[in-house]
């Protein structure tokens, strides 16, 4: 992501993600379901969707477990199963920021 010109803000836990997101308004969130620290990626997603200023922020869930239905039924915009390639991730990012995709966003 950095090589493509994006600013990346890594965090090490679900709780850390929520604290970090309070001070940022990211254009995109990529989050693993299996985060340590008592708050998982699904809980981070739920919190983001309830937060008025971030409700429409594109959210990519990643995990080595589960399948696409888990990601989509949870409210994520996309689900990537690990392992995935950088090329695959960048294709998803390009898709999420395409004007037609942005028009169809299902979140409030």
N, C-alpha and C. Protein backbone atom coordinates (compact mmCIF):
# COMPACT_ATOMS: atom_id res chain seq x y z
N UNK A 1 0.83 -1.19 0.00
CA UNK A 1 0.00 0.00 0.00
C UNK A 1 0.88 1.26 0.00
N UNK A 2 1.93 1.24 0.80
CA UNK A 2 2.82 2.40 0.85
C UNK A 2 3.47 2.65 -0.50
N UNK A 3 3.87 1.57 -1.18
CA UNK A 3 4.50 1.72 -2.49
C UNK A 3 3.54 2.34 -3.51
N UNK A 4 2.24 2.17 -3.29
CA UNK A 4 1.24 2.73 -4.20
C UNK A 4 0.88 4.17 -3.83
N UNK A 5 1.54 4.70 -2.78
CA UNK A 5 1.31 6.09 -2.41
C UNK A 5 0.31 6.31 -1.29
N UNK A 6 -0.14 5.24 -0.66
CA UNK A 6 -1.10 5.37 0.43
C UNK A 6 -0.37 5.53 1.76
N UNK A 7 -0.97 6.28 2.67
CA UNK A 7 -0.46 6.38 4.03
C UNK A 7 -1.08 5.23 4.81
N UNK A 8 -0.26 4.46 5.47
CA UNK A 8 -0.72 3.29 6.22
C UNK A 8 -0.50 3.55 7.71
N UNK A 9 -1.54 3.31 8.50
CA UNK A 9 -1.45 3.47 9.95
C UNK A 9 -1.74 2.11 10.58
N UNK A 10 -0.69 1.35 10.89
CA UNK A 10 -0.91 0.03 11.48
C UNK A 10 -1.25 0.12 12.97
N UNK A 11 -2.09 -0.79 13.41
CA UNK A 11 -2.41 -0.91 14.84
C UNK A 11 -2.31 -2.39 15.21
N UNK A 12 -2.10 -2.66 16.49
CA UNK A 12 -1.85 -4.03 16.91
C UNK A 12 -2.99 -4.73 17.60
N UNK A 13 -4.12 -4.04 17.79
CA UNK A 13 -5.24 -4.66 18.48
C UNK A 13 -6.54 -3.98 18.10
N UNK A 14 -7.64 -4.63 18.43
CA UNK A 14 -8.95 -4.03 18.18
C UNK A 14 -9.16 -2.76 18.98
N UNK A 15 -8.75 -2.81 20.25
CA UNK A 15 -8.87 -1.62 21.09
C UNK A 15 -8.01 -0.49 20.53
N UNK A 16 -6.81 -0.85 20.08
CA UNK A 16 -5.93 0.14 19.47
C UNK A 16 -6.52 0.74 18.21
N UNK A 17 -7.20 -0.08 17.44
CA UNK A 17 -7.85 0.41 16.22
C UNK A 17 -8.92 1.45 16.56
N UNK A 18 -9.73 1.17 17.56
CA UNK A 18 -10.80 2.11 17.94
C UNK A 18 -10.22 3.43 18.43
N UNK A 19 -9.17 3.35 19.23
CA UNK A 19 -8.53 4.58 19.73
C UNK A 19 -7.92 5.37 18.57
N UNK A 20 -7.23 4.68 17.68
CA UNK A 20 -6.60 5.33 16.53
C UNK A 20 -7.65 5.97 15.63
N UNK A 21 -8.75 5.28 15.41
CA UNK A 21 -9.79 5.80 14.52
C UNK A 21 -10.47 7.05 15.09
N UNK A 22 -10.45 7.22 16.40
CA UNK A 22 -11.02 8.43 16.99
C UNK A 22 -10.28 9.67 16.52
N UNK A 23 -8.99 9.54 16.27
CA UNK A 23 -8.20 10.69 15.87
C UNK A 23 -8.00 10.82 14.37
N UNK A 24 -8.49 9.87 13.61
CA UNK A 24 -8.34 9.87 12.16
C UNK A 24 -9.68 9.81 11.46
N UNK A 25 -9.69 10.22 10.23
CA UNK A 25 -10.85 10.00 9.36
C UNK A 25 -10.30 9.36 8.09
N UNK A 26 -10.07 8.04 8.15
CA UNK A 26 -9.43 7.38 7.01
C UNK A 26 -10.33 7.30 5.78
N UNK A 27 -9.70 7.16 4.63
CA UNK A 27 -10.44 6.94 3.39
C UNK A 27 -10.80 5.48 3.22
N UNK A 28 -10.10 4.60 3.93
CA UNK A 28 -10.30 3.16 3.80
C UNK A 28 -9.81 2.50 5.08
N UNK A 29 -10.51 1.44 5.51
CA UNK A 29 -10.08 0.66 6.66
C UNK A 29 -9.92 -0.79 6.20
N UNK A 30 -8.75 -1.35 6.50
CA UNK A 30 -8.49 -2.77 6.24
C UNK A 30 -8.23 -3.39 7.60
N UNK A 31 -9.03 -4.38 7.95
CA UNK A 31 -8.99 -4.90 9.31
C UNK A 31 -9.11 -6.42 9.33
N UNK A 32 -8.23 -7.05 10.08
CA UNK A 32 -8.29 -8.50 10.26
C UNK A 32 -9.38 -8.83 11.28
N UNK A 33 -10.12 -9.88 11.04
CA UNK A 33 -11.14 -10.30 12.01
C UNK A 33 -10.48 -10.73 13.31
N UNK A 34 -9.37 -11.43 13.22
CA UNK A 34 -8.73 -12.01 14.41
C UNK A 34 -7.76 -11.08 15.10
N UNK A 35 -8.22 -9.93 15.55
CA UNK A 35 -7.35 -9.00 16.28
C UNK A 35 -7.23 -9.40 17.75
N UNK A 36 -6.06 -9.22 18.33
CA UNK A 36 -5.92 -9.49 19.76
C UNK A 36 -6.46 -8.32 20.60
N UNK A 37 -6.58 -8.54 21.88
CA UNK A 37 -6.93 -7.44 22.77
C UNK A 37 -8.39 -7.37 23.17
N UNK A 38 -9.15 -8.42 22.92
CA UNK A 38 -10.54 -8.44 23.39
C UNK A 38 -11.57 -7.85 22.44
N UNK A 39 -11.14 -7.08 21.46
CA UNK A 39 -12.07 -6.51 20.48
C UNK A 39 -11.61 -7.03 19.12
N UNK A 40 -12.49 -7.78 18.44
CA UNK A 40 -12.09 -8.34 17.15
C UNK A 40 -12.47 -7.40 16.00
N UNK A 41 -12.10 -7.80 14.81
CA UNK A 41 -12.36 -6.98 13.63
C UNK A 41 -13.83 -6.76 13.35
N UNK A 42 -14.66 -7.73 13.69
CA UNK A 42 -16.11 -7.55 13.50
C UNK A 42 -16.65 -6.47 14.44
N UNK A 43 -16.12 -6.41 15.64
CA UNK A 43 -16.53 -5.37 16.58
C UNK A 43 -16.02 -3.99 16.15
N UNK A 44 -14.83 -3.96 15.58
CA UNK A 44 -14.32 -2.70 15.03
C UNK A 44 -15.24 -2.23 13.91
N UNK A 45 -15.61 -3.13 13.02
CA UNK A 45 -16.52 -2.81 11.92
C UNK A 45 -17.86 -2.27 12.45
N UNK A 46 -18.42 -2.94 13.43
CA UNK A 46 -19.69 -2.51 14.01
C UNK A 46 -19.57 -1.09 14.58
N UNK A 47 -18.49 -0.82 15.26
CA UNK A 47 -18.28 0.51 15.83
C UNK A 47 -18.14 1.57 14.73
N UNK A 48 -17.40 1.24 13.68
CA UNK A 48 -17.22 2.17 12.56
C UNK A 48 -18.56 2.49 11.91
N UNK A 49 -19.38 1.48 11.69
CA UNK A 49 -20.67 1.70 11.03
C UNK A 49 -21.63 2.54 11.89
N UNK A 50 -21.45 2.51 13.20
CA UNK A 50 -22.30 3.31 14.10
C UNK A 50 -21.79 4.74 14.25
N UNK A 51 -20.54 4.97 13.89
CA UNK A 51 -19.92 6.28 14.05
C UNK A 51 -20.29 7.12 12.83
N UNK A 52 -21.07 8.17 13.05
CA UNK A 52 -21.64 8.96 11.95
C UNK A 52 -20.59 9.39 10.92
N UNK A 53 -19.46 9.89 11.38
CA UNK A 53 -18.48 10.44 10.42
C UNK A 53 -17.72 9.35 9.67
N UNK A 54 -17.81 8.10 10.11
CA UNK A 54 -17.10 7.01 9.42
C UNK A 54 -18.03 5.96 8.84
N UNK A 55 -19.32 6.15 8.96
CA UNK A 55 -20.28 5.12 8.55
C UNK A 55 -20.13 4.70 7.09
N UNK A 56 -19.72 5.63 6.23
CA UNK A 56 -19.58 5.31 4.81
C UNK A 56 -18.15 4.96 4.41
N UNK A 57 -17.26 4.89 5.36
CA UNK A 57 -15.87 4.57 5.06
C UNK A 57 -15.78 3.14 4.53
N UNK A 58 -15.19 2.94 3.36
CA UNK A 58 -15.03 1.58 2.85
C UNK A 58 -14.23 0.72 3.85
N UNK A 59 -14.69 -0.50 4.05
CA UNK A 59 -14.11 -1.38 5.06
C UNK A 59 -13.86 -2.74 4.43
N UNK A 60 -12.61 -3.15 4.46
CA UNK A 60 -12.22 -4.47 3.96
C UNK A 60 -11.87 -5.34 5.16
N UNK A 61 -12.58 -6.44 5.31
CA UNK A 61 -12.26 -7.42 6.35
C UNK A 61 -11.35 -8.47 5.76
N UNK A 62 -10.34 -8.87 6.53
CA UNK A 62 -9.48 -9.95 6.09
C UNK A 62 -9.43 -11.03 7.16
N UNK A 63 -9.25 -12.27 6.73
CA UNK A 63 -9.15 -13.38 7.68
C UNK A 63 -8.67 -14.63 6.96
N UNK A 64 -8.04 -15.50 7.71
CA UNK A 64 -7.69 -16.80 7.16
C UNK A 64 -8.84 -17.78 7.37
N UNK A 65 -9.81 -17.38 8.17
CA UNK A 65 -10.98 -18.21 8.46
C UNK A 65 -12.22 -17.62 7.82
N UNK A 66 -13.27 -18.39 7.72
CA UNK A 66 -14.53 -17.88 7.20
C UNK A 66 -14.56 -17.83 5.70
N UNK A 67 -15.61 -17.21 5.21
CA UNK A 67 -15.76 -17.07 3.76
C UNK A 67 -16.38 -15.71 3.46
N UNK A 68 -16.59 -15.45 2.19
CA UNK A 68 -17.10 -14.14 1.77
C UNK A 68 -18.44 -13.79 2.40
N UNK A 69 -19.29 -14.78 2.65
CA UNK A 69 -20.59 -14.46 3.22
C UNK A 69 -20.45 -13.85 4.61
N UNK A 70 -19.45 -14.27 5.37
CA UNK A 70 -19.21 -13.68 6.68
C UNK A 70 -18.88 -12.20 6.54
N UNK A 71 -18.00 -11.88 5.64
CA UNK A 71 -17.63 -10.48 5.45
C UNK A 71 -18.78 -9.62 4.99
N UNK A 72 -19.52 -10.08 4.02
CA UNK A 72 -20.62 -9.29 3.49
C UNK A 72 -21.79 -9.21 4.45
N UNK A 73 -22.10 -10.29 5.15
CA UNK A 73 -23.23 -10.25 6.08
C UNK A 73 -22.92 -9.38 7.30
N UNK A 74 -21.65 -9.14 7.56
CA UNK A 74 -21.27 -8.33 8.70
C UNK A 74 -21.34 -6.83 8.40
N UNK A 75 -21.47 -6.48 7.14
CA UNK A 75 -21.52 -5.07 6.77
C UNK A 75 -20.24 -4.56 6.14
N UNK A 76 -19.26 -5.44 5.96
CA UNK A 76 -18.03 -5.03 5.29
C UNK A 76 -18.30 -4.82 3.81
N UNK A 77 -17.50 -3.97 3.19
CA UNK A 77 -17.65 -3.73 1.77
C UNK A 77 -16.99 -4.83 0.94
N UNK A 78 -15.99 -5.46 1.54
CA UNK A 78 -15.31 -6.55 0.84
C UNK A 78 -14.65 -7.45 1.86
N UNK A 79 -14.52 -8.72 1.51
CA UNK A 79 -13.84 -9.69 2.37
C UNK A 79 -12.72 -10.33 1.58
N UNK A 80 -11.52 -10.30 2.14
CA UNK A 80 -10.38 -10.96 1.51
C UNK A 80 -9.92 -12.09 2.41
N UNK A 81 -9.83 -13.27 1.82
CA UNK A 81 -9.35 -14.43 2.57
C UNK A 81 -7.83 -14.49 2.44
N UNK A 82 -7.16 -14.64 3.58
CA UNK A 82 -5.70 -14.78 3.58
C UNK A 82 -5.33 -16.20 3.15
N UNK A 83 -4.25 -16.38 2.48
CA UNK A 83 -3.35 -15.34 1.99
C UNK A 83 -3.92 -14.68 0.73
N UNK A 84 -3.58 -13.44 0.52
CA UNK A 84 -3.96 -12.73 -0.69
C UNK A 84 -2.73 -11.99 -1.21
N UNK A 85 -2.80 -11.58 -2.44
CA UNK A 85 -1.67 -10.88 -3.05
C UNK A 85 -1.85 -9.37 -2.94
N UNK A 86 -0.75 -8.66 -3.06
CA UNK A 86 -0.82 -7.20 -3.10
C UNK A 86 -1.64 -6.76 -4.30
N UNK A 87 -1.46 -7.46 -5.41
CA UNK A 87 -2.23 -7.13 -6.62
C UNK A 87 -3.74 -7.31 -6.37
N UNK A 88 -4.10 -8.38 -5.67
CA UNK A 88 -5.51 -8.60 -5.34
C UNK A 88 -6.06 -7.51 -4.44
N UNK A 89 -5.29 -7.13 -3.43
CA UNK A 89 -5.72 -6.06 -2.52
C UNK A 89 -5.88 -4.75 -3.28
N UNK A 90 -4.93 -4.42 -4.13
CA UNK A 90 -5.01 -3.17 -4.88
C UNK A 90 -6.19 -3.17 -5.85
N UNK A 91 -6.53 -4.32 -6.39
CA UNK A 91 -7.71 -4.40 -7.27
C UNK A 91 -8.98 -4.11 -6.47
N UNK A 92 -9.05 -4.61 -5.25
CA UNK A 92 -10.22 -4.34 -4.40
C UNK A 92 -10.29 -2.86 -4.06
N UNK A 93 -9.17 -2.26 -3.72
CA UNK A 93 -9.14 -0.83 -3.40
C UNK A 93 -9.61 -0.02 -4.60
N UNK A 94 -9.10 -0.34 -5.78
CA UNK A 94 -9.51 0.36 -7.00
C UNK A 94 -11.01 0.21 -7.22
N UNK A 95 -11.53 -0.99 -7.02
CA UNK A 95 -12.96 -1.25 -7.16
C UNK A 95 -13.77 -0.40 -6.18
N UNK A 96 -13.36 -0.35 -4.92
CA UNK A 96 -14.11 0.38 -3.90
C UNK A 96 -14.14 1.88 -4.15
N UNK A 97 -13.11 2.39 -4.80
CA UNK A 97 -13.06 3.83 -5.06
C UNK A 97 -13.54 4.21 -6.46
N UNK A 98 -13.99 3.22 -7.23
CA UNK A 98 -14.56 3.51 -8.55
C UNK A 98 -15.85 4.30 -8.35
N UNK A 99 -16.09 5.34 -9.15
CA UNK A 99 -17.29 6.18 -8.96
C UNK A 99 -18.61 5.40 -8.94
N UNK A 100 -18.75 4.40 -9.78
CA UNK A 100 -19.99 3.62 -9.80
C UNK A 100 -20.18 2.82 -8.51
N UNK A 101 -19.09 2.29 -7.98
CA UNK A 101 -19.16 1.55 -6.73
C UNK A 101 -19.54 2.48 -5.59
N UNK A 102 -18.95 3.67 -5.57
CA UNK A 102 -19.25 4.62 -4.51
C UNK A 102 -20.73 5.01 -4.52
N UNK A 103 -21.33 5.10 -5.70
CA UNK A 103 -22.76 5.44 -5.80
C UNK A 103 -23.64 4.36 -5.19
N UNK A 104 -23.19 3.10 -5.29
CA UNK A 104 -24.01 1.97 -4.84
C UNK A 104 -23.77 1.61 -3.38
N UNK A 105 -22.95 2.36 -2.68
CA UNK A 105 -22.63 2.00 -1.29
C UNK A 105 -23.91 1.84 -0.50
N UNK A 106 -23.96 0.78 0.29
CA UNK A 106 -25.18 0.41 1.00
C UNK A 106 -25.26 1.00 2.40
N UNK A 107 -24.23 1.68 2.85
CA UNK A 107 -24.22 2.15 4.23
C UNK A 107 -24.77 3.56 4.30
N UNK A 108 -25.33 3.92 5.45
CA UNK A 108 -25.97 5.24 5.60
C UNK A 108 -25.06 6.40 5.29
